Amino acid sequence: MNKLMAILLLLGGIGAFALYSASALPIVDRATNQVRTQLATLDDLDEVIDYLNASNNFPLVGGIYYVDLTASPITQELLQAKIAKQQVYLLRRWDRLDGLAIAEVREEQQRLRLSVGYTDGMTVESISLIAYDLRCLLTELEAEQVRIYAPDILLVRDGLNGVEYEWDGTVYYSYERNLR
């Protein structure tokens, strides 16, 4: 954890993210890719929860999901709803869950985007594999671009940079707000 993140947490901050984006890749036969994401089913829910409970990234980002610059806690109920809507992508390698992304197609700035509100992976490679596969899915989803609310963590930045996602260098910070 960097010094700025430590100060953020002391001041009531719950997380930080950077917006990354990438365009669709040329149409590829996803069946020929060795490793690719798959949509989660409700049968995967317990495994996803166990993965997040063991994740090093999940607590660093406050366990939150971003959509439209709004943060929501990732709860069992949120995961159930996102899985039911086919918005949770899993990466399995070596007979175990190695990463995941929670994403939904949204209209943003008059264009359809795949908005990824949470991404997690055990390694730089797993983040890269997920990010690459999401770019391959864009044509199938009829979206023009992927936008990832990426945790401000070196592992994630390296994974996204490795598959040519763009970032303008801006980091956004989230703070908890209590309503009375």
N, C-alpha and C. Protein backbone atom coordinates (compact mmCIF):
# COMPACT_ATOMS: atom_id res chain seq x y z
N MET A 1 0.86 -1.17 0.00
CA MET A 1 0.00 0.00 0.00
C MET A 1 0.90 1.23 0.00
N ASN A 2 0.60 2.19 -0.90
CA ASN A 2 1.42 3.39 -0.94
C ASN A 2 1.00 4.38 0.14
N LYS A 3 1.84 5.40 0.36
CA LYS A 3 1.57 6.38 1.42
C LYS A 3 0.26 7.13 1.20
N LEU A 4 -0.02 7.49 -0.06
CA LEU A 4 -1.25 8.21 -0.35
C LEU A 4 -2.48 7.38 -0.02
N MET A 5 -2.44 6.09 -0.31
CA MET A 5 -3.56 5.21 0.02
C MET A 5 -3.71 5.09 1.53
N ALA A 6 -2.62 5.01 2.26
CA ALA A 6 -2.68 4.93 3.73
C ALA A 6 -3.32 6.19 4.31
N ILE A 7 -2.96 7.35 3.79
CA ILE A 7 -3.55 8.61 4.25
C ILE A 7 -5.04 8.65 3.91
N LEU A 8 -5.40 8.21 2.71
CA LEU A 8 -6.79 8.15 2.29
C LEU A 8 -7.62 7.34 3.27
N LEU A 9 -7.11 6.18 3.66
CA LEU A 9 -7.86 5.32 4.58
C LEU A 9 -8.01 5.97 5.95
N LEU A 10 -6.98 6.68 6.40
CA LEU A 10 -7.06 7.38 7.69
C LEU A 10 -8.11 8.49 7.66
N LEU A 11 -8.33 9.10 6.51
CA LEU A 11 -9.29 10.19 6.38
C LEU A 11 -10.71 9.71 6.06
N GLY A 12 -10.94 8.42 6.14
CA GLY A 12 -12.27 7.89 5.90
C GLY A 12 -12.48 7.40 4.48
N GLY A 13 -11.42 7.35 3.70
CA GLY A 13 -11.53 6.84 2.34
C GLY A 13 -11.69 5.34 2.35
N ILE A 14 -12.38 4.84 1.33
CA ILE A 14 -12.60 3.39 1.28
C ILE A 14 -11.94 2.75 0.06
N GLY A 15 -11.45 3.56 -0.88
CA GLY A 15 -10.82 2.96 -2.05
C GLY A 15 -10.37 3.98 -3.05
N ALA A 16 -9.65 3.51 -4.04
CA ALA A 16 -9.19 4.36 -5.13
C ALA A 16 -9.25 3.55 -6.42
N PHE A 17 -9.53 4.24 -7.52
CA PHE A 17 -9.58 3.56 -8.80
C PHE A 17 -9.07 4.48 -9.90
N ALA A 18 -8.66 3.86 -10.98
CA ALA A 18 -8.26 4.56 -12.20
C ALA A 18 -9.13 4.04 -13.33
N LEU A 19 -9.55 4.92 -14.23
CA LEU A 19 -10.38 4.51 -15.36
C LEU A 19 -9.49 4.12 -16.53
N TYR A 20 -9.58 2.87 -16.93
CA TYR A 20 -8.85 2.35 -18.09
C TYR A 20 -9.87 2.06 -19.17
N SER A 21 -9.46 2.18 -20.42
CA SER A 21 -10.37 1.85 -21.51
C SER A 21 -9.61 1.20 -22.66
N ALA A 22 -10.36 0.46 -23.45
CA ALA A 22 -9.79 -0.21 -24.63
C ALA A 22 -10.92 -0.48 -25.61
N SER A 23 -10.56 -0.50 -26.87
CA SER A 23 -11.51 -0.80 -27.94
C SER A 23 -11.57 -2.31 -28.17
N ALA A 24 -12.53 -2.69 -28.99
CA ALA A 24 -12.69 -4.11 -29.32
C ALA A 24 -11.49 -4.60 -30.11
N LEU A 25 -11.17 -5.83 -29.91
CA LEU A 25 -10.15 -6.50 -30.72
C LEU A 25 -10.84 -7.07 -31.95
N PRO A 26 -10.09 -7.31 -33.02
CA PRO A 26 -10.71 -7.95 -34.19
C PRO A 26 -11.40 -9.24 -33.77
N ILE A 27 -12.44 -9.58 -34.49
CA ILE A 27 -13.20 -10.79 -34.16
C ILE A 27 -12.27 -11.99 -34.17
N VAL A 28 -12.28 -12.71 -33.06
CA VAL A 28 -11.47 -13.92 -32.95
C VAL A 28 -12.38 -15.07 -32.54
N ASP A 29 -11.98 -16.26 -32.87
CA ASP A 29 -12.72 -17.44 -32.44
C ASP A 29 -12.35 -17.71 -31.00
N ARG A 30 -13.22 -17.31 -30.06
CA ARG A 30 -12.92 -17.45 -28.64
C ARG A 30 -12.74 -18.91 -28.24
N ALA A 31 -13.30 -19.83 -29.04
CA ALA A 31 -13.17 -21.26 -28.71
C ALA A 31 -11.72 -21.72 -28.86
N THR A 32 -10.92 -21.00 -29.66
CA THR A 32 -9.54 -21.44 -29.87
C THR A 32 -8.59 -20.89 -28.80
N ASN A 33 -9.02 -19.90 -28.04
CA ASN A 33 -8.17 -19.38 -26.97
C ASN A 33 -7.97 -20.46 -25.91
N GLN A 34 -6.74 -20.61 -25.46
CA GLN A 34 -6.46 -21.62 -24.43
C GLN A 34 -7.18 -21.28 -23.13
N VAL A 35 -7.03 -20.05 -22.68
CA VAL A 35 -7.62 -19.64 -21.42
C VAL A 35 -8.56 -18.48 -21.71
N ARG A 36 -9.79 -18.60 -21.25
CA ARG A 36 -10.74 -17.52 -21.44
C ARG A 36 -11.71 -17.48 -20.27
N THR A 37 -12.41 -16.36 -20.16
CA THR A 37 -13.37 -16.23 -19.07
C THR A 37 -14.63 -17.01 -19.39
N GLN A 38 -15.38 -17.27 -18.36
CA GLN A 38 -16.69 -17.90 -18.52
C GLN A 38 -17.65 -17.18 -17.60
N LEU A 39 -18.91 -17.16 -17.97
CA LEU A 39 -19.91 -16.53 -17.12
C LEU A 39 -20.15 -17.40 -15.89
N ALA A 40 -20.27 -16.74 -14.76
CA ALA A 40 -20.57 -17.44 -13.51
C ALA A 40 -22.03 -17.87 -13.50
N THR A 41 -22.29 -18.93 -12.77
CA THR A 41 -23.66 -19.37 -12.51
C THR A 41 -23.89 -19.29 -11.00
N LEU A 42 -25.13 -19.41 -10.61
CA LEU A 42 -25.43 -19.36 -9.17
C LEU A 42 -24.73 -20.49 -8.42
N ASP A 43 -24.41 -21.59 -9.11
CA ASP A 43 -23.65 -22.68 -8.48
C ASP A 43 -22.23 -22.23 -8.11
N ASP A 44 -21.73 -21.17 -8.74
CA ASP A 44 -20.38 -20.66 -8.47
C ASP A 44 -20.34 -19.67 -7.31
N LEU A 45 -21.49 -19.27 -6.80
CA LEU A 45 -21.55 -18.18 -5.81
C LEU A 45 -20.65 -18.42 -4.60
N ASP A 46 -20.71 -19.59 -3.99
CA ASP A 46 -19.89 -19.86 -2.80
C ASP A 46 -18.40 -19.79 -3.13
N GLU A 47 -18.02 -20.31 -4.30
CA GLU A 47 -16.62 -20.27 -4.71
C GLU A 47 -16.16 -18.82 -4.93
N VAL A 48 -17.02 -17.99 -5.50
CA VAL A 48 -16.69 -16.58 -5.71
C VAL A 48 -16.51 -15.88 -4.37
N ILE A 49 -17.41 -16.13 -3.43
CA ILE A 49 -17.31 -15.53 -2.10
C ILE A 49 -16.03 -15.99 -1.41
N ASP A 50 -15.71 -17.28 -1.48
CA ASP A 50 -14.47 -17.79 -0.89
C ASP A 50 -13.26 -17.13 -1.53
N TYR A 51 -13.29 -16.97 -2.86
CA TYR A 51 -12.19 -16.31 -3.57
C TYR A 51 -12.00 -14.88 -3.06
N LEU A 52 -13.09 -14.14 -2.97
CA LEU A 52 -12.99 -12.74 -2.52
C LEU A 52 -12.53 -12.65 -1.07
N ASN A 53 -12.96 -13.58 -0.24
CA ASN A 53 -12.52 -13.59 1.16
C ASN A 53 -11.03 -13.84 1.29
N ALA A 54 -10.45 -14.57 0.33
CA ALA A 54 -9.02 -14.87 0.37
C ALA A 54 -8.18 -13.88 -0.46
N SER A 55 -8.84 -13.01 -1.20
CA SER A 55 -8.16 -12.09 -2.11
C SER A 55 -7.33 -11.05 -1.35
N ASN A 56 -6.14 -10.77 -1.87
CA ASN A 56 -5.35 -9.67 -1.32
C ASN A 56 -5.86 -8.33 -1.82
N ASN A 57 -6.47 -8.30 -2.99
CA ASN A 57 -6.94 -7.06 -3.59
C ASN A 57 -8.26 -6.57 -2.99
N PHE A 58 -9.16 -7.48 -2.68
CA PHE A 58 -10.51 -7.13 -2.22
C PHE A 58 -10.50 -6.16 -1.04
N PRO A 59 -9.74 -6.42 0.03
CA PRO A 59 -9.76 -5.45 1.15
C PRO A 59 -9.05 -4.14 0.81
N LEU A 60 -8.06 -4.19 -0.09
CA LEU A 60 -7.35 -2.96 -0.45
C LEU A 60 -8.23 -1.96 -1.17
N VAL A 61 -9.25 -2.46 -1.88
CA VAL A 61 -10.14 -1.57 -2.61
C VAL A 61 -11.46 -1.36 -1.87
N GLY A 62 -11.51 -1.78 -0.63
CA GLY A 62 -12.70 -1.56 0.17
C GLY A 62 -13.86 -2.49 -0.16
N GLY A 63 -13.61 -3.52 -0.99
CA GLY A 63 -14.67 -4.46 -1.33
C GLY A 63 -15.84 -3.80 -2.03
N ILE A 64 -15.53 -2.87 -2.94
CA ILE A 64 -16.60 -2.13 -3.58
C ILE A 64 -16.62 -2.33 -5.09
N TYR A 65 -17.81 -2.16 -5.63
CA TYR A 65 -18.10 -2.27 -7.06
C TYR A 65 -18.48 -0.88 -7.55
N TYR A 66 -17.89 -0.46 -8.66
CA TYR A 66 -18.18 0.85 -9.22
C TYR A 66 -19.04 0.73 -10.46
N VAL A 67 -20.03 1.60 -10.56
CA VAL A 67 -20.80 1.77 -11.78
C VAL A 67 -21.23 3.22 -11.83
N ASP A 68 -20.99 3.85 -12.96
CA ASP A 68 -21.38 5.24 -13.17
C ASP A 68 -20.81 6.15 -12.06
N LEU A 69 -19.55 5.94 -11.72
CA LEU A 69 -18.84 6.71 -10.69
C LEU A 69 -19.48 6.62 -9.31
N THR A 70 -20.24 5.57 -9.06
CA THR A 70 -20.86 5.33 -7.76
C THR A 70 -20.36 3.99 -7.23
N ALA A 71 -20.03 3.97 -5.94
CA ALA A 71 -19.50 2.76 -5.32
C ALA A 71 -20.59 2.06 -4.51
N SER A 72 -20.62 0.73 -4.62
CA SER A 72 -21.54 -0.09 -3.82
C SER A 72 -20.74 -1.23 -3.21
N PRO A 73 -21.06 -1.62 -1.99
CA PRO A 73 -20.34 -2.75 -1.40
C PRO A 73 -20.67 -4.05 -2.14
N ILE A 74 -19.66 -4.88 -2.32
CA ILE A 74 -19.87 -6.18 -2.93
C ILE A 74 -20.34 -7.13 -1.83
N THR A 75 -21.60 -7.44 -1.88
CA THR A 75 -22.24 -8.32 -0.90
C THR A 75 -22.70 -9.59 -1.59
N GLN A 76 -23.14 -10.54 -0.81
CA GLN A 76 -23.70 -11.77 -1.38
C GLN A 76 -24.89 -11.44 -2.27
N GLU A 77 -25.71 -10.48 -1.85
CA GLU A 77 -26.89 -10.11 -2.62
C GLU A 77 -26.50 -9.47 -3.96
N LEU A 78 -25.48 -8.60 -3.94
CA LEU A 78 -25.03 -7.98 -5.19
C LEU A 78 -24.48 -9.06 -6.13
N LEU A 79 -23.67 -9.97 -5.59
CA LEU A 79 -23.13 -11.05 -6.42
C LEU A 79 -24.23 -11.92 -7.01
N GLN A 80 -25.23 -12.27 -6.22
CA GLN A 80 -26.35 -13.07 -6.73
C GLN A 80 -27.05 -12.35 -7.88
N ALA A 81 -27.31 -11.06 -7.70
CA ALA A 81 -27.99 -10.29 -8.74
C ALA A 81 -27.15 -10.19 -10.00
N LYS A 82 -25.86 -9.95 -9.85
CA LYS A 82 -24.98 -9.82 -11.02
C LYS A 82 -24.81 -11.16 -11.73
N ILE A 83 -24.72 -12.24 -10.99
CA ILE A 83 -24.63 -13.57 -11.60
C ILE A 83 -25.91 -13.88 -12.37
N ALA A 84 -27.06 -13.58 -11.76
CA ALA A 84 -28.34 -13.84 -12.41
C ALA A 84 -28.47 -13.05 -13.72
N LYS A 85 -27.87 -11.86 -13.78
CA LYS A 85 -27.91 -11.04 -15.00
C LYS A 85 -26.75 -11.36 -15.96
N GLN A 86 -25.99 -12.39 -15.66
CA GLN A 86 -24.82 -12.81 -16.45
C GLN A 86 -23.80 -11.67 -16.59
N GLN A 87 -23.43 -11.12 -15.43
CA GLN A 87 -22.49 -10.00 -15.38
C GLN A 87 -21.25 -10.30 -14.55
N VAL A 88 -21.00 -11.57 -14.26
CA VAL A 88 -19.79 -11.97 -13.53
C VAL A 88 -19.02 -12.94 -14.41
N TYR A 89 -17.77 -12.54 -14.72
CA TYR A 89 -16.89 -13.34 -15.58
C TYR A 89 -15.80 -13.96 -14.72
N LEU A 90 -15.61 -15.26 -14.86
CA LEU A 90 -14.63 -15.99 -14.06
C LEU A 90 -13.49 -16.48 -14.95
N LEU A 91 -12.30 -16.46 -14.40
CA LEU A 91 -11.13 -17.05 -15.05
C LEU A 91 -10.70 -18.24 -14.20
N ARG A 92 -10.72 -19.41 -14.82
CA ARG A 92 -10.28 -20.62 -14.12
C ARG A 92 -9.01 -21.12 -14.78
N ARG A 93 -8.03 -21.42 -13.93
CA ARG A 93 -6.79 -22.05 -14.39
C ARG A 93 -6.34 -23.01 -13.31
N TRP A 94 -5.72 -24.07 -13.73
CA TRP A 94 -5.21 -25.08 -12.79
C TRP A 94 -6.30 -25.57 -11.83
N ASP A 95 -7.48 -25.77 -12.39
CA ASP A 95 -8.63 -26.31 -11.64
C ASP A 95 -9.03 -25.46 -10.45
N ARG A 96 -8.81 -24.15 -10.57
CA ARG A 96 -9.27 -23.26 -9.49
C ARG A 96 -9.61 -21.90 -10.08
N LEU A 97 -10.35 -21.12 -9.31
CA LEU A 97 -10.69 -19.76 -9.70
C LEU A 97 -9.44 -18.90 -9.56
N ASP A 98 -9.04 -18.21 -10.63
CA ASP A 98 -7.80 -17.44 -10.64
C ASP A 98 -8.05 -15.95 -10.83
N GLY A 99 -9.28 -15.56 -11.06
CA GLY A 99 -9.61 -14.15 -11.22
C GLY A 99 -11.06 -13.99 -11.62
N LEU A 100 -11.54 -12.75 -11.52
CA LEU A 100 -12.92 -12.48 -11.89
C LEU A 100 -13.10 -11.01 -12.23
N ALA A 101 -14.18 -10.74 -12.93
CA ALA A 101 -14.58 -9.37 -13.24
C ALA A 101 -16.09 -9.29 -13.13
N ILE A 102 -16.57 -8.17 -12.60
CA ILE A 102 -18.00 -7.89 -12.56
C ILE A 102 -18.22 -6.75 -13.56
N ALA A 103 -19.04 -7.00 -14.57
CA ALA A 103 -19.18 -6.04 -15.67
C ALA A 103 -20.59 -6.03 -16.21
N GLU A 104 -21.00 -4.88 -16.72
CA GLU A 104 -22.31 -4.75 -17.34
C GLU A 104 -22.22 -3.82 -18.54
N VAL A 105 -23.02 -4.12 -19.56
CA VAL A 105 -23.09 -3.24 -20.72
C VAL A 105 -23.98 -2.07 -20.35
N ARG A 106 -23.44 -0.86 -20.59
CA ARG A 106 -24.16 0.38 -20.24
C ARG A 106 -23.99 1.40 -21.36
N GLU A 107 -24.96 2.29 -21.45
CA GLU A 107 -24.80 3.42 -22.36
C GLU A 107 -24.13 4.54 -21.57
N GLU A 108 -22.95 4.94 -22.01
CA GLU A 108 -22.20 6.01 -21.38
C GLU A 108 -21.72 6.95 -22.48
N GLN A 109 -21.99 8.22 -22.34
CA GLN A 109 -21.57 9.23 -23.31
C GLN A 109 -22.00 8.85 -24.73
N GLN A 110 -23.25 8.49 -24.89
CA GLN A 110 -23.87 8.13 -26.17
C GLN A 110 -23.21 6.94 -26.87
N ARG A 111 -22.60 6.04 -26.12
CA ARG A 111 -22.04 4.83 -26.73
C ARG A 111 -22.18 3.68 -25.75
N LEU A 112 -22.31 2.48 -26.31
CA LEU A 112 -22.40 1.29 -25.46
C LEU A 112 -21.00 0.88 -25.03
N ARG A 113 -20.85 0.69 -23.74
CA ARG A 113 -19.57 0.25 -23.18
C ARG A 113 -19.81 -0.94 -22.26
N LEU A 114 -18.79 -1.77 -22.18
CA LEU A 114 -18.78 -2.80 -21.15
C LEU A 114 -18.10 -2.15 -19.96
N SER A 115 -18.86 -1.86 -18.93
CA SER A 115 -18.36 -1.18 -17.74
C SER A 115 -17.98 -2.23 -16.70
N VAL A 116 -16.68 -2.30 -16.39
CA VAL A 116 -16.17 -3.29 -15.44
C VAL A 116 -15.98 -2.58 -14.10
N GLY A 117 -16.84 -2.90 -13.16
CA GLY A 117 -16.83 -2.22 -11.87
C GLY A 117 -15.96 -2.87 -10.82
N TYR A 118 -15.52 -4.08 -11.07
CA TYR A 118 -14.60 -4.76 -10.15
C TYR A 118 -13.83 -5.79 -10.94
N THR A 119 -12.53 -5.82 -10.73
CA THR A 119 -11.69 -6.84 -11.34
C THR A 119 -10.68 -7.32 -10.31
N ASP A 120 -10.36 -8.59 -10.37
CA ASP A 120 -9.45 -9.17 -9.39
C ASP A 120 -8.74 -10.35 -10.04
N GLY A 121 -7.52 -10.54 -9.65
CA GLY A 121 -6.76 -11.68 -10.16
C GLY A 121 -5.60 -11.99 -9.23
N MET A 122 -5.16 -13.24 -9.27
CA MET A 122 -4.06 -13.68 -8.41
C MET A 122 -2.71 -13.16 -8.89
N THR A 123 -2.59 -12.93 -10.23
CA THR A 123 -1.32 -12.54 -10.82
C THR A 123 -1.55 -11.48 -11.90
N VAL A 124 -0.46 -10.86 -12.33
CA VAL A 124 -0.54 -9.93 -13.46
C VAL A 124 -1.10 -10.66 -14.68
N GLU A 125 -0.64 -11.89 -14.89
CA GLU A 125 -1.11 -12.65 -16.04
C GLU A 125 -2.61 -12.89 -16.00
N SER A 126 -3.16 -13.21 -14.83
CA SER A 126 -4.60 -13.47 -14.76
C SER A 126 -5.39 -12.19 -15.04
N ILE A 127 -4.93 -11.05 -14.56
CA ILE A 127 -5.59 -9.77 -14.86
C ILE A 127 -5.54 -9.53 -16.37
N SER A 128 -4.36 -9.75 -16.98
CA SER A 128 -4.21 -9.55 -18.43
C SER A 128 -5.13 -10.47 -19.22
N LEU A 129 -5.23 -11.73 -18.83
CA LEU A 129 -6.09 -12.68 -19.54
C LEU A 129 -7.55 -12.25 -19.48
N ILE A 130 -8.00 -11.82 -18.31
CA ILE A 130 -9.39 -11.35 -18.17
C ILE A 130 -9.61 -10.12 -19.04
N ALA A 131 -8.70 -9.15 -18.93
CA ALA A 131 -8.85 -7.89 -19.67
C ALA A 131 -8.83 -8.13 -21.18
N TYR A 132 -7.97 -9.00 -21.64
CA TYR A 132 -7.89 -9.33 -23.07
C TYR A 132 -9.20 -9.98 -23.53
N ASP A 133 -9.68 -10.94 -22.75
CA ASP A 133 -10.90 -11.65 -23.14
C ASP A 133 -12.10 -10.71 -23.17
N LEU A 134 -12.15 -9.75 -22.26
CA LEU A 134 -13.26 -8.79 -22.27
C LEU A 134 -13.24 -7.96 -23.55
N ARG A 135 -12.06 -7.63 -24.04
CA ARG A 135 -11.96 -6.90 -25.32
C ARG A 135 -12.47 -7.78 -26.47
N CYS A 136 -12.20 -9.06 -26.40
CA CYS A 136 -12.67 -9.99 -27.44
C CYS A 136 -14.19 -10.13 -27.42
N LEU A 137 -14.81 -9.92 -26.27
CA LEU A 137 -16.27 -10.06 -26.13
C LEU A 137 -17.05 -8.88 -26.65
N LEU A 138 -16.41 -7.75 -26.86
CA LEU A 138 -17.14 -6.52 -27.19
C LEU A 138 -18.05 -6.66 -28.41
N THR A 139 -17.56 -7.24 -29.48
CA THR A 139 -18.38 -7.38 -30.68
C THR A 139 -19.62 -8.22 -30.39
N GLU A 140 -19.43 -9.31 -29.68
CA GLU A 140 -20.56 -10.19 -29.32
C GLU A 140 -21.58 -9.43 -28.46
N LEU A 141 -21.10 -8.54 -27.59
CA LEU A 141 -21.98 -7.78 -26.70
C LEU A 141 -22.52 -6.51 -27.35
N GLU A 142 -22.10 -6.25 -28.59
CA GLU A 142 -22.49 -5.06 -29.34
C GLU A 142 -22.09 -3.78 -28.63
N ALA A 143 -20.95 -3.80 -27.98
CA ALA A 143 -20.40 -2.63 -27.29
C ALA A 143 -19.15 -2.16 -28.02
N GLU A 144 -18.86 -0.87 -27.90
CA GLU A 144 -17.72 -0.29 -28.61
C GLU A 144 -16.42 -0.32 -27.82
N GLN A 145 -16.55 -0.34 -26.51
CA GLN A 145 -15.36 -0.13 -25.68
C GLN A 145 -15.54 -0.81 -24.33
N VAL A 146 -14.42 -1.18 -23.72
CA VAL A 146 -14.41 -1.64 -22.33
C VAL A 146 -13.92 -0.47 -21.49
N ARG A 147 -14.59 -0.21 -20.39
CA ARG A 147 -14.11 0.78 -19.42
C ARG A 147 -14.00 0.05 -18.08
N ILE A 148 -12.78 0.06 -17.53
CA ILE A 148 -12.53 -0.65 -16.27
C ILE A 148 -12.27 0.36 -15.16
N TYR A 149 -13.05 0.25 -14.10
CA TYR A 149 -12.78 0.99 -12.87
C TYR A 149 -11.75 0.14 -12.13
N ALA A 150 -10.49 0.38 -12.45
CA ALA A 150 -9.42 -0.49 -11.97
C ALA A 150 -8.92 -0.07 -10.60
N PRO A 151 -8.76 -1.02 -9.70
CA PRO A 151 -8.16 -0.69 -8.41
C PRO A 151 -6.78 -0.07 -8.63
N ASP A 152 -6.44 0.90 -7.83
CA ASP A 152 -5.14 1.56 -7.95
C ASP A 152 -4.08 0.69 -7.28
N ILE A 153 -3.81 -0.45 -7.91
CA ILE A 153 -2.87 -1.43 -7.40
C ILE A 153 -1.92 -1.78 -8.55
N LEU A 154 -0.64 -1.86 -8.26
CA LEU A 154 0.36 -2.11 -9.28
C LEU A 154 0.06 -3.38 -10.08
N LEU A 155 -0.35 -4.44 -9.41
CA LEU A 155 -0.67 -5.71 -10.07
C LEU A 155 -1.71 -5.50 -11.18
N VAL A 156 -2.75 -4.74 -10.88
CA VAL A 156 -3.82 -4.50 -11.85
C VAL A 156 -3.34 -3.57 -12.95
N ARG A 157 -2.64 -2.51 -12.59
CA ARG A 157 -2.12 -1.58 -13.61
C ARG A 157 -1.22 -2.32 -14.60
N ASP A 158 -0.31 -3.15 -14.10
CA ASP A 158 0.59 -3.90 -14.98
C ASP A 158 -0.20 -4.86 -15.88
N GLY A 159 -1.21 -5.51 -15.33
CA GLY A 159 -2.02 -6.43 -16.13
C GLY A 159 -2.76 -5.73 -17.25
N LEU A 160 -3.29 -4.54 -16.99
CA LEU A 160 -4.03 -3.81 -18.02
C LEU A 160 -3.10 -3.18 -19.05
N ASN A 161 -2.00 -2.65 -18.58
CA ASN A 161 -1.03 -2.07 -19.52
C ASN A 161 -0.48 -3.13 -20.47
N GLY A 162 -0.37 -4.36 -19.99
CA GLY A 162 0.17 -5.45 -20.81
C GLY A 162 -0.71 -5.84 -21.97
N VAL A 163 -1.99 -5.48 -21.93
CA VAL A 163 -2.90 -5.79 -23.04
C VAL A 163 -3.48 -4.50 -23.64
N GLU A 164 -2.68 -3.45 -23.55
CA GLU A 164 -2.90 -2.19 -24.26
C GLU A 164 -4.17 -1.45 -23.89
N TYR A 165 -4.51 -1.42 -22.61
CA TYR A 165 -5.56 -0.54 -22.13
C TYR A 165 -4.95 0.85 -21.93
N GLU A 166 -5.76 1.88 -22.09
CA GLU A 166 -5.29 3.25 -21.95
C GLU A 166 -5.76 3.84 -20.63
N TRP A 167 -4.89 4.69 -20.06
CA TRP A 167 -5.18 5.36 -18.78
C TRP A 167 -4.59 6.75 -18.87
N ASP A 168 -5.33 7.76 -18.42
CA ASP A 168 -4.84 9.13 -18.50
C ASP A 168 -4.01 9.55 -17.28
N GLY A 169 -3.79 8.65 -16.35
CA GLY A 169 -2.96 8.94 -15.18
C GLY A 169 -3.74 9.46 -13.97
N THR A 170 -5.04 9.65 -14.11
CA THR A 170 -5.86 10.17 -13.02
C THR A 170 -6.30 9.03 -12.10
N VAL A 171 -6.20 9.27 -10.79
CA VAL A 171 -6.70 8.32 -9.79
C VAL A 171 -7.84 9.01 -9.04
N TYR A 172 -8.96 8.30 -8.89
CA TYR A 172 -10.13 8.82 -8.20
C TYR A 172 -10.21 8.13 -6.84
N TYR A 173 -10.60 8.89 -5.82
CA TYR A 173 -10.69 8.35 -4.47
C TYR A 173 -12.14 8.33 -4.01
N SER A 174 -12.51 7.26 -3.29
CA SER A 174 -13.86 7.09 -2.77
C SER A 174 -13.85 7.28 -1.27
N TYR A 175 -14.87 7.97 -0.80
CA TYR A 175 -15.01 8.19 0.63
C TYR A 175 -16.38 7.71 1.06
N GLU A 176 -16.44 7.21 2.28
CA GLU A 176 -17.72 6.77 2.82
C GLU A 176 -18.51 7.99 3.26
N ARG A 177 -19.80 7.98 2.95
CA ARG A 177 -20.64 9.11 3.31
C ARG A 177 -21.80 8.57 4.12
N ASN A 178 -21.99 9.13 5.30
CA ASN A 178 -23.13 8.77 6.13
C ASN A 178 -24.23 9.78 5.96
N LEU A 179 -25.43 9.30 5.72
CA LEU A 179 -26.60 10.18 5.62
C LEU A 179 -27.35 10.15 6.93
N ARG A 180 -27.76 11.30 7.36
CA ARG A 180 -28.49 11.36 8.65
C ARG A 180 -29.92 11.65 8.43
